């Protein structure tokens, strides 16, 4: 019985280790933008700007001006957090 339990334990470790090694993490998959890059509040999908082919949403239209002063700073920060921006609509 001890041998059976030992084999089960080893198999469990191997299986879960393999899943952890091959499974993707949320950062790799990316997550949708849900927070305003300026104020940190929930986004309003009617308040946005298209920047370099991507759409950045804000909590209010007032944040657009702050964003446009240094847009790359905010885009880089969001992407470093694993956020995948929507494509700009043409």
Protein backbone atom coordinates (compact mmCIF):
# COMPACT_ATOMS: atom_id res chain seq x y z
CA UNK A 1 0.00 0.00 0.00
CA UNK A 2 2.86 2.40 0.82
CA UNK A 3 4.38 1.77 -2.61
CA UNK A 4 1.06 2.53 -4.31
CA UNK A 5 0.69 5.80 -2.39
CA UNK A 6 4.28 6.73 -3.16
CA UNK A 7 3.75 6.12 -6.87
CA UNK A 8 0.55 8.20 -6.77
CA UNK A 9 2.37 11.04 -5.03
CA UNK A 10 5.18 11.00 -7.58
CA UNK A 11 2.73 10.93 -10.50
CA UNK A 12 0.79 13.83 -9.02
CA UNK A 13 3.95 15.88 -8.67
CA UNK A 14 4.98 15.11 -12.24
CA UNK A 15 1.56 15.88 -13.69
CA UNK A 16 1.07 19.14 -11.81
CA UNK A 17 4.65 20.17 -12.55
CA UNK A 18 4.12 19.56 -16.25
CA UNK A 19 0.89 21.53 -16.22
CA UNK A 20 2.56 24.43 -14.43
CA UNK A 21 5.47 24.41 -16.87
CA UNK A 22 3.32 24.38 -20.00
CA UNK A 23 0.30 26.32 -18.81
CA UNK A 24 0.15 30.00 -19.69
CA UNK A 25 -0.18 32.63 -17.04
CA UNK A 26 -2.62 35.54 -17.20
CA UNK A 27 0.28 37.94 -17.92
CA UNK A 28 1.24 35.88 -20.99
CA UNK A 29 -2.32 35.79 -22.23
CA UNK A 30 -2.90 39.43 -21.44
CA UNK A 31 -5.91 41.04 -19.89
CA UNK A 32 -8.33 43.59 -21.23
CA UNK A 33 -8.12 47.19 -20.10
CA UNK A 34 -10.63 47.80 -17.32
CA UNK A 35 -9.06 50.74 -15.49
CA UNK A 36 -8.26 54.29 -16.58
CA UNK A 37 -4.49 54.76 -17.00
CA UNK A 38 -4.74 58.28 -15.55
CA UNK A 39 -7.09 58.12 -12.55
CA UNK A 40 -7.35 54.36 -12.01
CA UNK A 41 -11.16 54.28 -12.08
CA UNK A 42 -13.36 51.99 -14.15
CA UNK A 43 -13.27 52.83 -17.85
CA UNK A 44 -16.11 54.38 -19.83
CA UNK A 45 -15.97 52.97 -23.36
CA UNK A 46 -17.29 56.26 -24.75
CA UNK A 47 -14.18 58.09 -23.44
CA UNK A 48 -11.17 56.99 -25.47
CA UNK A 49 -8.37 57.96 -27.81
CA UNK A 50 -6.82 55.93 -30.61
CA UNK A 51 -3.03 55.92 -30.33
CA UNK A 52 -0.70 54.15 -32.76
CA UNK A 53 -3.38 51.68 -33.85
CA UNK A 54 -4.63 50.89 -30.37
CA UNK A 55 -7.59 52.20 -28.40
CA UNK A 56 -7.01 53.52 -24.88
CA UNK A 57 -10.06 54.02 -22.68
CA UNK A 58 -10.47 56.49 -19.80
CA UNK A 59 -12.84 56.93 -16.87
CA UNK A 60 -13.88 60.31 -18.29
CA UNK A 61 -13.03 62.45 -21.30
CA UNK A 62 -11.05 64.80 -19.03
CA UNK A 63 -8.26 62.21 -18.77
CA UNK A 64 -7.64 62.34 -22.52
CA UNK A 65 -5.67 65.61 -22.24
CA UNK A 66 -3.36 64.24 -19.57
CA UNK A 67 -2.80 61.09 -21.62
CA UNK A 68 -1.92 63.06 -24.75
CA UNK A 69 0.85 64.94 -22.92
CA UNK A 70 2.87 61.68 -22.71
CA UNK A 71 0.90 58.83 -24.29
CA UNK A 72 3.78 56.38 -24.59
CA UNK A 73 4.37 56.55 -20.83
CA UNK A 74 0.84 55.34 -20.13
CA UNK A 75 0.81 52.74 -22.91
CA UNK A 76 4.12 51.30 -21.72
CA UNK A 77 2.87 51.10 -18.13
CA UNK A 78 -0.31 49.28 -19.13
CA UNK A 79 1.57 46.82 -21.32
CA UNK A 80 4.10 46.14 -18.54
CA UNK A 81 1.10 45.14 -16.40
CA UNK A 82 -0.01 42.63 -19.05
CA UNK A 83 -2.85 44.73 -20.42
CA UNK A 84 -3.68 44.14 -24.08
CA UNK A 85 -5.27 47.19 -25.67
CA UNK A 86 -8.13 46.93 -28.13
CA UNK A 87 -7.35 47.66 -31.75
CA UNK A 88 -8.33 51.10 -32.96
CA UNK A 89 -11.44 51.07 -35.12
CA UNK A 90 -10.97 52.62 -38.54
